[in-house]
Amino acid sequence: MSRVPIRVRLTLAFAVAMAVVLAATGAFVYFRLQSSLDEGIEEALDARLADAVALARTGETGRRADEEGFTTIVAGRISAVPRDRIEGGMRTRGTTVETDLGTRTVLVGASLADRDEALSELLTQLIIIAPIALLLTSLLGYWIAGAALRPVEEMRAEAAAISGSEPGRRLPQGRARDEITRLAETLNEMLARLERAIERER
């Protein structure tokens, strides 16, 4: 790894960090949407159950179904009435109601098809978008790393051109008071000391 150029190492570190951020963001969005959809289904199921209980109190029985779910009211008591469970792509719930005409068992269900389809579409979009976003941000990171290291390359080229025949020649110093500028100052001070030492030797 030490033989890998610094620019590439910085880009790899940036890509790994961005991959973690994208994965965490995608997971948050997915589970947040799942929770929101589940809450909507719960509310729809509660409303359907309340309507079914009201019908059962009038003595009505039978089954009604649509794309959103179903409602079933039967006379008598059914053993092991489901309080809340998922089966066959439906979230179902049931209860028993005591009426003047006897006991009624109420079963209602809400379809999970729309919820599952929405989550599937979101997951597909995340799988497509995340790699593209990671590639673009990695390219951006590579460019930023190159821009940040450009002054170092300029100093290297200048240092290679400095010779004893050109006394007083120094490395370029940036205007920003950052680490690269301080490095240039330190190297220039070292060159000045070397020149003074050479002059004393002469």
Protein backbone atom coordinates (compact mmCIF):
# COMPACT_ATOMS: atom_id res chain seq x y z
CA MET A 1 0.00 0.00 0.00
CA SER A 2 2.96 2.31 0.68
CA ARG A 3 3.93 2.08 -3.01
CA VAL A 4 0.53 3.39 -4.10
CA PRO A 5 0.65 7.11 -4.99
CA ILE A 6 -0.71 9.46 -2.36
CA ARG A 7 -3.32 10.78 -4.78
CA VAL A 8 -4.69 7.28 -5.30
CA ARG A 9 -4.63 6.53 -1.57
CA LEU A 10 -6.55 9.71 -0.82
CA THR A 11 -9.08 8.85 -3.51
CA LEU A 12 -9.53 5.32 -2.13
CA ALA A 13 -10.04 6.65 1.39
CA PHE A 14 -12.55 9.19 0.07
CA ALA A 15 -14.37 6.46 -1.90
CA VAL A 16 -14.60 4.17 1.14
CA ALA A 17 -15.94 6.99 3.31
CA MET A 18 -18.47 7.95 0.62
CA ALA A 19 -19.55 4.32 0.22
CA VAL A 20 -20.28 4.13 3.96
CA VAL A 21 -22.23 7.40 3.82
CA LEU A 22 -24.25 6.27 0.79
CA ALA A 23 -25.00 2.89 2.36
CA ALA A 24 -26.10 4.47 5.65
CA THR A 25 -28.21 7.07 3.84
CA GLY A 26 -29.82 4.44 1.62
CA ALA A 27 -30.62 2.21 4.59
CA PHE A 28 -32.11 5.15 6.48
CA VAL A 29 -34.33 6.16 3.55
CA TYR A 30 -35.42 2.56 2.94
CA PHE A 31 -36.37 1.79 6.53
CA ARG A 32 -37.94 5.22 7.01
CA LEU A 33 -40.19 4.61 4.00
CA GLN A 34 -40.97 1.10 5.22
CA SER A 35 -41.97 2.44 8.63
CA SER A 36 -44.15 5.15 7.06
CA LEU A 37 -45.90 2.65 4.77
CA ASP A 38 -46.45 0.23 7.67
CA GLU A 39 -48.02 3.02 9.70
CA GLY A 40 -50.38 3.77 6.82
CA ILE A 41 -51.35 0.10 6.58
CA GLU A 42 -51.95 -0.05 10.32
CA GLU A 43 -54.24 2.97 10.15
CA ALA A 44 -56.14 1.48 7.21
CA LEU A 45 -56.47 -1.83 9.05
CA ASP A 46 -57.76 -0.11 12.20
CA ALA A 47 -60.34 1.79 10.16
CA ARG A 48 -61.44 -1.37 8.33
CA LEU A 49 -61.73 -3.28 11.62
CA ALA A 50 -63.78 -0.50 13.22
CA ASP A 51 -66.19 -0.49 10.26
CA ALA A 52 -66.43 -4.28 10.35
CA VAL A 53 -67.21 -4.30 14.08
CA ALA A 54 -69.96 -1.74 13.50
CA LEU A 55 -71.46 -3.97 10.79
CA ALA A 56 -71.18 -7.03 13.01
CA ARG A 57 -73.17 -5.31 15.76
CA THR A 58 -76.06 -4.96 13.32
CA GLY A 59 -76.04 -8.73 12.85
CA GLU A 60 -74.61 -8.66 9.32
CA THR A 61 -72.38 -11.48 8.13
CA GLY A 62 -70.50 -12.20 4.93
CA ARG A 63 -67.26 -11.36 3.14
CA ARG A 64 -66.24 -8.31 1.16
CA ALA A 65 -62.96 -7.97 -0.74
CA ASP A 66 -61.28 -5.38 -2.93
CA GLU A 67 -57.77 -4.48 -4.05
CA GLU A 68 -57.02 -2.88 -0.69
CA GLY A 69 -58.03 -5.86 1.46
CA PHE A 70 -60.98 -7.82 2.77
CA THR A 71 -63.58 -7.89 5.52
CA THR A 72 -65.13 -11.13 6.81
CA ILE A 73 -67.87 -11.42 9.43
CA VAL A 74 -69.03 -14.87 10.48
CA ALA A 75 -71.55 -16.00 13.08
CA GLY A 76 -70.07 -17.73 16.08
CA ARG A 77 -66.63 -17.83 17.57
CA ILE A 78 -63.54 -18.99 15.69
CA SER A 79 -60.69 -20.45 17.67
CA ALA A 80 -57.30 -18.78 17.37
CA VAL A 81 -58.57 -15.54 15.91
CA PRO A 82 -55.48 -13.70 14.56
CA ARG A 83 -54.82 -10.49 16.46
CA ASP A 84 -52.23 -9.33 13.98
CA ARG A 85 -50.26 -11.38 11.48
CA ILE A 86 -48.91 -11.34 7.93
CA GLU A 87 -49.92 -14.13 5.60
CA GLY A 88 -50.32 -14.41 1.85
CA GLY A 89 -49.36 -10.81 1.15
CA MET A 90 -51.95 -9.55 3.67
CA ARG A 91 -51.71 -8.10 7.13
CA THR A 92 -54.72 -9.55 8.95
CA ARG A 93 -56.40 -8.82 12.22
CA GLY A 94 -59.43 -10.24 13.95
CA THR A 95 -61.67 -9.95 17.00
CA THR A 96 -64.93 -11.25 18.39
CA VAL A 97 -67.99 -9.12 18.98
CA GLU A 98 -70.93 -9.88 21.28
CA THR A 99 -74.22 -8.73 19.75
CA ASP A 100 -77.91 -9.20 20.53
CA LEU A 101 -77.93 -11.90 17.83
CA GLY A 102 -75.00 -13.77 19.30
CA THR A 103 -71.25 -13.82 18.90
CA ARG A 104 -69.69 -12.60 15.69
CA THR A 105 -66.11 -13.14 14.58
CA VAL A 106 -64.64 -10.31 12.56
CA LEU A 107 -61.59 -10.75 10.33
CA VAL A 108 -60.06 -7.94 8.25
CA GLY A 109 -57.00 -7.76 6.04
CA ALA A 110 -55.01 -5.04 4.30
CA SER A 111 -52.99 -5.76 1.17
CA LEU A 112 -49.20 -5.33 1.31
CA ALA A 113 -48.81 -5.28 -2.48
CA ASP A 114 -48.48 -1.52 -2.89
CA ARG A 115 -46.14 -1.30 0.08
CA ASP A 116 -43.91 -4.10 -1.21
CA GLU A 117 -43.88 -2.61 -4.71
CA ALA A 118 -42.88 0.83 -3.41
CA LEU A 119 -40.04 -0.66 -1.35
CA SER A 120 -38.88 -2.76 -4.30
CA GLU A 121 -38.81 0.28 -6.59
CA LEU A 122 -36.87 2.28 -4.03
CA LEU A 123 -34.34 -0.53 -3.58
CA THR A 124 -33.88 -0.79 -7.35
CA GLN A 125 -33.29 2.94 -7.63
CA LEU A 126 -30.79 2.87 -4.78
CA ILE A 127 -28.90 -0.01 -6.39
CA ILE A 128 -28.68 1.95 -9.66
CA ILE A 129 -27.98 5.41 -8.24
CA ALA A 130 -25.52 4.52 -5.46
CA PRO A 131 -22.72 3.15 -7.73
CA ILE A 132 -23.09 6.11 -10.10
CA ALA A 133 -22.92 8.56 -7.20
CA LEU A 134 -19.90 6.71 -5.79
CA LEU A 135 -18.10 6.83 -9.15
CA LEU A 136 -18.77 10.54 -9.64
CA THR A 137 -17.72 11.45 -6.11
CA SER A 138 -14.57 9.30 -6.43
CA LEU A 139 -13.62 11.13 -9.63
CA LEU A 140 -14.25 14.40 -7.83
CA GLY A 141 -12.09 13.22 -4.94
CA TYR A 142 -9.31 12.25 -7.37
CA TRP A 143 -9.43 15.72 -8.92
CA ILE A 144 -9.45 17.44 -5.51
CA ALA A 145 -6.50 15.33 -4.35
CA GLY A 146 -4.60 16.27 -7.51
CA ALA A 147 -5.35 19.95 -7.00
CA ALA A 148 -4.24 19.75 -3.36
CA LEU A 149 -0.97 18.01 -4.28
CA ARG A 150 -0.17 20.23 -7.29
CA PRO A 151 1.93 22.68 -5.19
CA VAL A 152 3.98 19.73 -3.94
CA GLU A 153 4.67 18.64 -7.52
CA GLU A 154 5.67 22.20 -8.41
CA MET A 155 8.11 22.25 -5.50
CA ARG A 156 9.53 18.89 -6.56
CA ALA A 157 10.11 20.13 -10.12
CA GLU A 158 11.70 23.34 -8.86
CA ALA A 159 13.92 21.45 -6.40
CA ALA A 160 15.11 19.19 -9.21
CA ALA A 161 16.10 22.28 -11.24
CA ILE A 162 18.03 24.02 -8.44
CA SER A 163 21.79 23.71 -8.73
CA GLY A 164 24.88 25.26 -7.19
CA SER A 165 25.32 27.48 -10.21
CA GLU A 166 22.17 29.40 -9.34
CA PRO A 167 22.61 30.73 -5.81
CA GLY A 168 19.57 32.35 -4.29
CA ARG A 169 17.06 30.27 -6.22
CA ARG A 170 14.24 29.15 -3.97
CA LEU A 171 11.15 26.96 -4.00
CA PRO A 172 7.79 28.60 -4.74
CA GLN A 173 5.70 29.45 -1.70
CA GLY A 174 1.93 29.64 -1.79
CA ARG A 175 -0.06 32.51 -0.38
CA ALA A 176 -2.10 30.28 1.94
CA ARG A 177 -0.63 29.72 5.37
CA ASP A 178 -1.01 25.95 5.23
CA GLU A 179 1.20 22.87 5.63
CA ILE A 180 2.57 23.08 2.07
CA THR A 181 3.58 26.72 2.50
CA ARG A 182 5.34 25.90 5.77
CA LEU A 183 7.12 23.00 4.05
CA ALA A 184 8.32 25.35 1.29
CA GLU A 185 9.54 27.85 3.91
CA THR A 186 11.42 25.13 5.78
CA LEU A 187 13.07 23.84 2.61
CA ASN A 188 14.01 27.36 1.54
CA GLU A 189 15.59 27.98 4.94
CA MET A 190 17.52 24.72 4.50
CA LEU A 191 18.74 25.87 1.06
CA ALA A 192 19.82 29.18 2.56
CA ARG A 193 21.81 27.38 5.28
CA LEU A 194 23.45 25.13 2.69
CA GLU A 195 24.47 28.16 0.61
CA ARG A 196 25.95 29.86 3.64
CA ALA A 197 27.83 26.68 4.53
CA ILE A 198 29.17 26.41 0.99
CA GLU A 199 30.29 30.03 1.06
CA ARG A 200 32.16 29.46 4.33
CA GLU A 201 33.88 26.40 2.86
CA ARG A 202 34.97 28.45 -0.12
